[in-house]
């Protein structure tokens, strides 16, 4: 497939990275694409929702979704245009869902008789995704992890490299257990997308 001649030099370089990622499963290409646009996606989302933590979570999600659909990208327009559209649409969906949500896994809920209750997420046995990520302590995984925001990088390192439990991570970082689980879920989803893409290319 020929690259659209109207694309800028930057967009052409992006397309070559996309081809390396899709055709060869090149993890460095994925990491470079993320490095080139992570901050601009984050700041766009921050303007949309005005919350740093949620903007970081949604940035990870946007790249996860984009990399999962990378085969669908065509060079009729710049990769950045395509990526920003995915990120903004995902954010709009998230905002809609937030409006429907009434319960939080972190905050206690007041009952009619003045008591408080909290929602606890229970997990039964090891998650298959956890097993896969633990087995992938390779240089390519390290490279991808290094591109994550510091907060996510720390969570992944504690969970998969030092093999801390959720409770130990919550204590170490002084975060609510629900927050640790939610953030790890997001980061893990992104990493699994990366691994799946590389497997398909082999």
C-alpha atoms as a PDB file:
ATOM      1  CA  UNK A   1       0.000   0.000   0.000  1.00  0.00           C
ATOM      2  CA  UNK A   2       1.451   3.347  -0.982  1.00  0.00           C
ATOM      3  CA  UNK A   3       1.586   6.195   1.468  1.00  0.00           C
ATOM      4  CA  UNK A   4      -0.650   9.156   0.662  1.00  0.00           C
ATOM      5  CA  UNK A   5       1.556  11.856  -0.876  1.00  0.00           C
ATOM      6  CA  UNK A   6      -0.381  14.557   0.972  1.00  0.00           C
ATOM      7  CA  UNK A   7       0.790  13.242   4.342  1.00  0.00           C
ATOM      8  CA  UNK A   8       3.397  15.264   6.213  1.00  0.00           C
ATOM      9  CA  UNK A   9       6.868  13.897   6.895  1.00  0.00           C
ATOM     10  CA  UNK A  10       5.806  13.153  10.474  1.00  0.00           C
ATOM     11  CA  UNK A  11       2.697  11.265   9.305  1.00  0.00           C
ATOM     12  CA  UNK A  12       4.777   9.234   6.846  1.00  0.00           C
ATOM     13  CA  UNK A  13       7.156   8.262   9.637  1.00  0.00           C
ATOM     14  CA  UNK A  14       4.153   7.238  11.764  1.00  0.00           C
ATOM     15  CA  UNK A  15       2.889   5.055   8.937  1.00  0.00           C
ATOM     16  CA  UNK A  16       6.228   3.267   8.645  1.00  0.00           C
ATOM     17  CA  UNK A  17       6.053   2.603  12.390  1.00  0.00           C
ATOM     18  CA  UNK A  18       2.496   1.261  11.992  1.00  0.00           C
ATOM     19  CA  UNK A  19       3.649  -1.111   9.243  1.00  0.00           C
ATOM     20  CA  UNK A  20       6.553  -2.349  11.378  1.00  0.00           C
ATOM     21  CA  UNK A  21       4.159  -2.919  14.284  1.00  0.00           C
ATOM     22  CA  UNK A  22       1.504  -4.726  12.220  1.00  0.00           C
ATOM     23  CA  UNK A  23       3.705  -6.672   9.776  1.00  0.00           C
ATOM     24  CA  UNK A  24       6.566  -7.625  12.086  1.00  0.00           C
ATOM     25  CA  UNK A  25       5.050  -7.331  15.548  1.00  0.00           C
ATOM     26  CA  UNK A  26       7.843  -4.850  16.304  1.00  0.00           C
ATOM     27  CA  UNK A  27       7.392  -3.822  19.951  1.00  0.00           C
ATOM     28  CA  UNK A  28       9.787  -0.898  19.539  1.00  0.00           C
ATOM     29  CA  UNK A  29       7.466   0.515  16.879  1.00  0.00           C
ATOM     30  CA  UNK A  30       4.489   0.280  19.275  1.00  0.00           C
ATOM     31  CA  UNK A  31       6.535   1.908  22.021  1.00  0.00           C
ATOM     32  CA  UNK A  32       7.699   4.719  19.708  1.00  0.00           C
ATOM     33  CA  UNK A  33       4.140   5.442  18.536  1.00  0.00           C
ATOM     34  CA  UNK A  34       3.033   5.648  22.144  1.00  0.00           C
ATOM     35  CA  UNK A  35       5.996   7.855  23.060  1.00  0.00           C
ATOM     36  CA  UNK A  36       5.239  10.275  20.207  1.00  0.00           C
ATOM     37  CA  UNK A  37       1.587  10.847  21.152  1.00  0.00           C
ATOM     38  CA  UNK A  38       1.080   9.891  24.792  1.00  0.00           C
ATOM     39  CA  UNK A  39       1.462  13.412  26.181  1.00  0.00           C
ATOM     40  CA  UNK A  40      -0.683  15.133  23.536  1.00  0.00           C
ATOM     41  CA  UNK A  41      -3.462  12.541  23.956  1.00  0.00           C
ATOM     42  CA  UNK A  42      -3.267  12.959  27.725  1.00  0.00           C
ATOM     43  CA  UNK A  43      -3.567  16.767  27.569  1.00  0.00           C
ATOM     44  CA  UNK A  44      -6.456  16.573  25.100  1.00  0.00           C
ATOM     45  CA  UNK A  45      -8.326  14.210  27.443  1.00  0.00           C
ATOM     46  CA  UNK A  46      -7.453  16.332  30.472  1.00  0.00           C
ATOM     47  CA  UNK A  47      -9.173  19.282  28.793  1.00  0.00           C
ATOM     48  CA  UNK A  48     -12.237  17.121  28.170  1.00  0.00           C
ATOM     49  CA  UNK A  49     -12.666  15.787  31.721  1.00  0.00           C
ATOM     50  CA  UNK A  50     -10.456  17.980  33.938  1.00  0.00           C
ATOM     51  CA  UNK A  51      -9.256  15.075  36.113  1.00  0.00           C
ATOM     52  CA  UNK A  52      -5.614  13.957  35.955  1.00  0.00           C
ATOM     53  CA  UNK A  53      -6.112  10.369  37.147  1.00  0.00           C
ATOM     54  CA  UNK A  54      -9.009   9.687  34.796  1.00  0.00           C
ATOM     55  CA  UNK A  55      -7.159  11.353  31.908  1.00  0.00           C
ATOM     56  CA  UNK A  56      -4.194   9.016  32.512  1.00  0.00           C
ATOM     57  CA  UNK A  57      -6.483   5.969  32.653  1.00  0.00           C
ATOM     58  CA  UNK A  58      -8.221   7.009  29.436  1.00  0.00           C
ATOM     59  CA  UNK A  59      -4.877   7.647  27.713  1.00  0.00           C
ATOM     60  CA  UNK A  60      -3.866   4.037  28.411  1.00  0.00           C
ATOM     61  CA  UNK A  61      -7.268   2.834  27.168  1.00  0.00           C
ATOM     62  CA  UNK A  62      -7.011   4.884  23.973  1.00  0.00           C
ATOM     63  CA  UNK A  63      -3.656   3.357  23.041  1.00  0.00           C
ATOM     64  CA  UNK A  64      -4.927  -0.113  23.936  1.00  0.00           C
ATOM     65  CA  UNK A  65      -7.907   0.299  21.605  1.00  0.00           C
ATOM     66  CA  UNK A  66      -5.844   1.894  18.828  1.00  0.00           C
ATOM     67  CA  UNK A  67      -3.168  -0.818  18.922  1.00  0.00           C
ATOM     68  CA  UNK A  68      -5.860  -3.488  18.940  1.00  0.00           C
ATOM     69  CA  UNK A  69      -7.304  -2.006  15.730  1.00  0.00           C
ATOM     70  CA  UNK A  70      -4.002  -1.063  14.128  1.00  0.00           C
ATOM     71  CA  UNK A  71      -4.634  -3.335  11.131  1.00  0.00           C
ATOM     72  CA  UNK A  72      -7.684  -1.200  10.320  1.00  0.00           C
ATOM     73  CA  UNK A  73      -5.647   1.997   9.956  1.00  0.00           C
ATOM     74  CA  UNK A  74      -5.114   3.169   6.374  1.00  0.00           C
ATOM     75  CA  UNK A  75      -2.796   6.020   5.329  1.00  0.00           C
ATOM     76  CA  UNK A  76      -5.598   8.051   3.731  1.00  0.00           C
ATOM     77  CA  UNK A  77      -5.115  10.440   6.647  1.00  0.00           C
ATOM     78  CA  UNK A  78      -2.530  10.895   9.394  1.00  0.00           C
ATOM     79  CA  UNK A  79      -2.183   8.257  12.118  1.00  0.00           C
ATOM     80  CA  UNK A  80      -2.444  11.056  14.693  1.00  0.00           C
ATOM     81  CA  UNK A  81      -5.883  12.045  13.332  1.00  0.00           C
ATOM     82  CA  UNK A  82      -7.067   8.439  13.605  1.00  0.00           C
ATOM     83  CA  UNK A  83      -5.603   8.037  17.112  1.00  0.00           C
ATOM     84  CA  UNK A  84      -7.107  11.294  18.428  1.00  0.00           C
ATOM     85  CA  UNK A  85     -10.527  10.265  17.088  1.00  0.00           C
ATOM     86  CA  UNK A  86     -10.344   6.930  18.932  1.00  0.00           C
ATOM     87  CA  UNK A  87      -9.222   8.689  22.134  1.00  0.00           C
ATOM     88  CA  UNK A  88     -11.935  11.365  22.006  1.00  0.00           C
ATOM     89  CA  UNK A  89     -14.713   8.869  21.155  1.00  0.00           C
ATOM     90  CA  UNK A  90     -13.586   6.595  23.988  1.00  0.00           C
ATOM     91  CA  UNK A  91     -13.598   9.562  26.365  1.00  0.00           C
ATOM     92  CA  UNK A  92     -17.119  10.597  25.302  1.00  0.00           C
ATOM     93  CA  UNK A  93     -18.318   7.016  25.925  1.00  0.00           C
ATOM     94  CA  UNK A  94     -16.645   7.083  29.342  1.00  0.00           C
ATOM     95  CA  UNK A  95     -18.344  10.398  30.246  1.00  0.00           C
ATOM     96  CA  UNK A  96     -21.734   8.916  29.291  1.00  0.00           C
ATOM     97  CA  UNK A  97     -21.089   5.848  31.463  1.00  0.00           C
ATOM     98  CA  UNK A  98     -20.036   8.026  34.408  1.00  0.00           C
ATOM     99  CA  UNK A  99     -23.378   9.821  34.272  1.00  0.00           C
ATOM    100  CA  UNK A 100     -25.164   6.471  34.555  1.00  0.00           C
ATOM    101  CA  UNK A 101     -22.990   5.213  37.391  1.00  0.00           C
ATOM    102  CA  UNK A 102     -24.199   5.764  40.922  1.00  0.00           C
ATOM    103  CA  UNK A 103     -21.899   3.475  42.913  1.00  0.00           C
ATOM    104  CA  UNK A 104     -18.181   3.785  43.564  1.00  0.00           C
ATOM    105  CA  UNK A 105     -15.936   0.888  44.528  1.00  0.00           C
ATOM    106  CA  UNK A 106     -13.787   3.168  46.688  1.00  0.00           C
ATOM    107  CA  UNK A 107     -16.236   5.332  48.594  1.00  0.00           C
ATOM    108  CA  UNK A 108     -18.518   4.011  51.315  1.00  0.00           C
ATOM    109  CA  UNK A 109     -22.244   4.252  50.608  1.00  0.00           C
ATOM    110  CA  UNK A 110     -24.596   5.588  53.254  1.00  0.00           C
ATOM    111  CA  UNK A 111     -27.608   3.416  54.094  1.00  0.00           C
ATOM    112  CA  UNK A 112     -31.023   4.539  55.338  1.00  0.00           C
ATOM    113  CA  UNK A 113     -30.211   3.593  58.927  1.00  0.00           C
ATOM    114  CA  UNK A 114     -27.049   5.695  59.030  1.00  0.00           C
ATOM    115  CA  UNK A 115     -24.582   2.835  58.466  1.00  0.00           C
ATOM    116  CA  UNK A 116     -21.975   2.745  55.733  1.00  0.00           C
ATOM    117  CA  UNK A 117     -21.203  -0.100  53.366  1.00  0.00           C
ATOM    118  CA  UNK A 118     -18.426  -0.550  50.826  1.00  0.00           C
ATOM    119  CA  UNK A 119     -18.329  -2.615  47.656  1.00  0.00           C
ATOM    120  CA  UNK A 120     -15.594  -5.248  47.596  1.00  0.00           C
ATOM    121  CA  UNK A 121     -14.418  -6.752  44.330  1.00  0.00           C
ATOM    122  CA  UNK A 122     -13.590 -10.411  44.842  1.00  0.00           C
ATOM    123  CA  UNK A 123     -11.311 -12.409  42.580  1.00  0.00           C
ATOM    124  CA  UNK A 124     -11.401 -16.187  42.315  1.00  0.00           C
ATOM    125  CA  UNK A 125      -8.047 -17.747  41.491  1.00  0.00           C
ATOM    126  CA  UNK A 126      -5.304 -16.374  39.226  1.00  0.00           C
ATOM    127  CA  UNK A 127      -6.457 -14.330  36.250  1.00  0.00           C
ATOM    128  CA  UNK A 128      -5.200 -15.725  32.899  1.00  0.00           C
ATOM    129  CA  UNK A 129      -3.985 -12.234  31.934  1.00  0.00           C
ATOM    130  CA  UNK A 130      -1.897 -12.090  35.129  1.00  0.00           C
ATOM    131  CA  UNK A 131      -0.262 -15.401  34.230  1.00  0.00           C
ATOM    132  CA  UNK A 132       0.567 -14.252  30.688  1.00  0.00           C
ATOM    133  CA  UNK A 133       2.074 -10.949  31.825  1.00  0.00           C
ATOM    134  CA  UNK A 134       4.112 -12.617  34.578  1.00  0.00           C
ATOM    135  CA  UNK A 135       5.579 -14.999  31.981  1.00  0.00           C
ATOM    136  CA  UNK A 136       6.507 -12.117  29.669  1.00  0.00           C
ATOM    137  CA  UNK A 137       9.281 -10.513  31.734  1.00  0.00           C
ATOM    138  CA  UNK A 138      11.262  -9.942  28.562  1.00  0.00           C
ATOM    139  CA  UNK A 139      13.121  -6.974  27.140  1.00  0.00           C
ATOM    140  CA  UNK A 140      10.165  -6.041  24.919  1.00  0.00           C
ATOM    141  CA  UNK A 141       7.792  -6.045  27.885  1.00  0.00           C
ATOM    142  CA  UNK A 142      10.273  -3.933  29.854  1.00  0.00           C
ATOM    143  CA  UNK A 143      10.404  -1.460  26.984  1.00  0.00           C
ATOM    144  CA  UNK A 144       6.617  -1.136  26.874  1.00  0.00           C
ATOM    145  CA  UNK A 145       6.366  -0.811  30.672  1.00  0.00           C
ATOM    146  CA  UNK A 146       9.010   1.937  30.628  1.00  0.00           C
ATOM    147  CA  UNK A 147       6.766   3.989  28.316  1.00  0.00           C
ATOM    148  CA  UNK A 148       3.880   3.988  30.795  1.00  0.00           C
ATOM    149  CA  UNK A 149       3.174   6.915  33.104  1.00  0.00           C
ATOM    150  CA  UNK A 150       5.201   6.580  36.358  1.00  0.00           C
ATOM    151  CA  UNK A 151       2.088   5.653  38.364  1.00  0.00           C
ATOM    152  CA  UNK A 152       1.226   2.751  36.073  1.00  0.00           C
ATOM    153  CA  UNK A 153       4.850   1.701  35.766  1.00  0.00           C
ATOM    154  CA  UNK A 154       5.107   1.405  39.554  1.00  0.00           C
ATOM    155  CA  UNK A 155       1.888  -0.624  39.774  1.00  0.00           C
ATOM    156  CA  UNK A 156       3.012  -3.046  37.043  1.00  0.00           C
ATOM    157  CA  UNK A 157       6.462  -3.418  38.582  1.00  0.00           C
ATOM    158  CA  UNK A 158       5.074  -4.169  42.034  1.00  0.00           C
ATOM    159  CA  UNK A 159       2.460  -6.600  40.733  1.00  0.00           C
ATOM    160  CA  UNK A 160       4.366  -8.497  38.039  1.00  0.00           C
ATOM    161  CA  UNK A 161       8.056  -8.024  38.771  1.00  0.00           C
ATOM    162  CA  UNK A 162       8.008  -8.048  42.584  1.00  0.00           C
ATOM    163  CA  UNK A 163       4.779 -10.120  42.686  1.00  0.00           C
ATOM    164  CA  UNK A 164       3.066  -8.086  45.413  1.00  0.00           C
ATOM    165  CA  UNK A 165      -0.556  -8.851  46.261  1.00  0.00           C
ATOM    166  CA  UNK A 166      -3.212  -6.171  45.671  1.00  0.00           C
ATOM    167  CA  UNK A 167      -3.309  -5.570  49.419  1.00  0.00           C
ATOM    168  CA  UNK A 168       0.487  -5.133  49.616  1.00  0.00           C
ATOM    169  CA  UNK A 169       0.434  -2.675  46.704  1.00  0.00           C
ATOM    170  CA  UNK A 170      -2.381  -0.678  48.333  1.00  0.00           C
ATOM    171  CA  UNK A 171      -0.344  -0.487  51.556  1.00  0.00           C
ATOM    172  CA  UNK A 172       2.927   0.348  49.782  1.00  0.00           C
ATOM    173  CA  UNK A 173       1.392   3.177  47.714  1.00  0.00           C
ATOM    174  CA  UNK A 174      -1.142   4.261  50.341  1.00  0.00           C
ATOM    175  CA  UNK A 175      -4.050   3.850  47.911  1.00  0.00           C
ATOM    176  CA  UNK A 176      -7.532   2.369  48.384  1.00  0.00           C
ATOM    177  CA  UNK A 177      -7.695  -1.284  47.326  1.00  0.00           C
ATOM    178  CA  UNK A 178     -10.398  -0.530  44.742  1.00  0.00           C
ATOM    179  CA  UNK A 179      -8.204   2.120  43.106  1.00  0.00           C
ATOM    180  CA  UNK A 180      -5.258  -0.284  42.863  1.00  0.00           C
ATOM    181  CA  UNK A 181      -7.446  -2.950  41.226  1.00  0.00           C
ATOM    182  CA  UNK A 182      -9.047  -0.508  38.774  1.00  0.00           C
ATOM    183  CA  UNK A 183      -5.733   1.047  37.712  1.00  0.00           C
ATOM    184  CA  UNK A 184      -4.000  -2.313  37.351  1.00  0.00           C
ATOM    185  CA  UNK A 185      -6.908  -3.543  35.252  1.00  0.00           C
ATOM    186  CA  UNK A 186      -6.449  -0.617  32.858  1.00  0.00           C
ATOM    187  CA  UNK A 187      -2.668  -1.010  32.640  1.00  0.00           C
ATOM    188  CA  UNK A 188      -2.959  -4.784  32.232  1.00  0.00           C
ATOM    189  CA  UNK A 189      -5.521  -4.408  29.433  1.00  0.00           C
ATOM    190  CA  UNK A 190      -3.101  -2.199  27.545  1.00  0.00           C
ATOM    191  CA  UNK A 191      -0.206  -4.640  27.995  1.00  0.00           C
ATOM    192  CA  UNK A 192      -2.352  -7.591  26.898  1.00  0.00           C
ATOM    193  CA  UNK A 193      -3.283  -5.734  23.698  1.00  0.00           C
ATOM    194  CA  UNK A 194       0.401  -5.225  22.973  1.00  0.00           C
ATOM    195  CA  UNK A 195       1.184  -8.907  23.569  1.00  0.00           C
ATOM    196  CA  UNK A 196      -1.746 -10.093  21.448  1.00  0.00           C
ATOM    197  CA  UNK A 197      -0.628  -7.890  18.560  1.00  0.00           C
ATOM    198  CA  UNK A 198       2.885  -9.289  18.683  1.00  0.00           C
ATOM    199  CA  UNK A 199       1.603 -12.898  18.770  1.00  0.00           C
ATOM    200  CA  UNK A 200      -0.622 -12.324  15.725  1.00  0.00           C
ATOM    201  CA  UNK A 201       2.335 -11.015  13.771  1.00  0.00           C
ATOM    202  CA  UNK A 202       4.508 -14.101  14.448  1.00  0.00           C
END
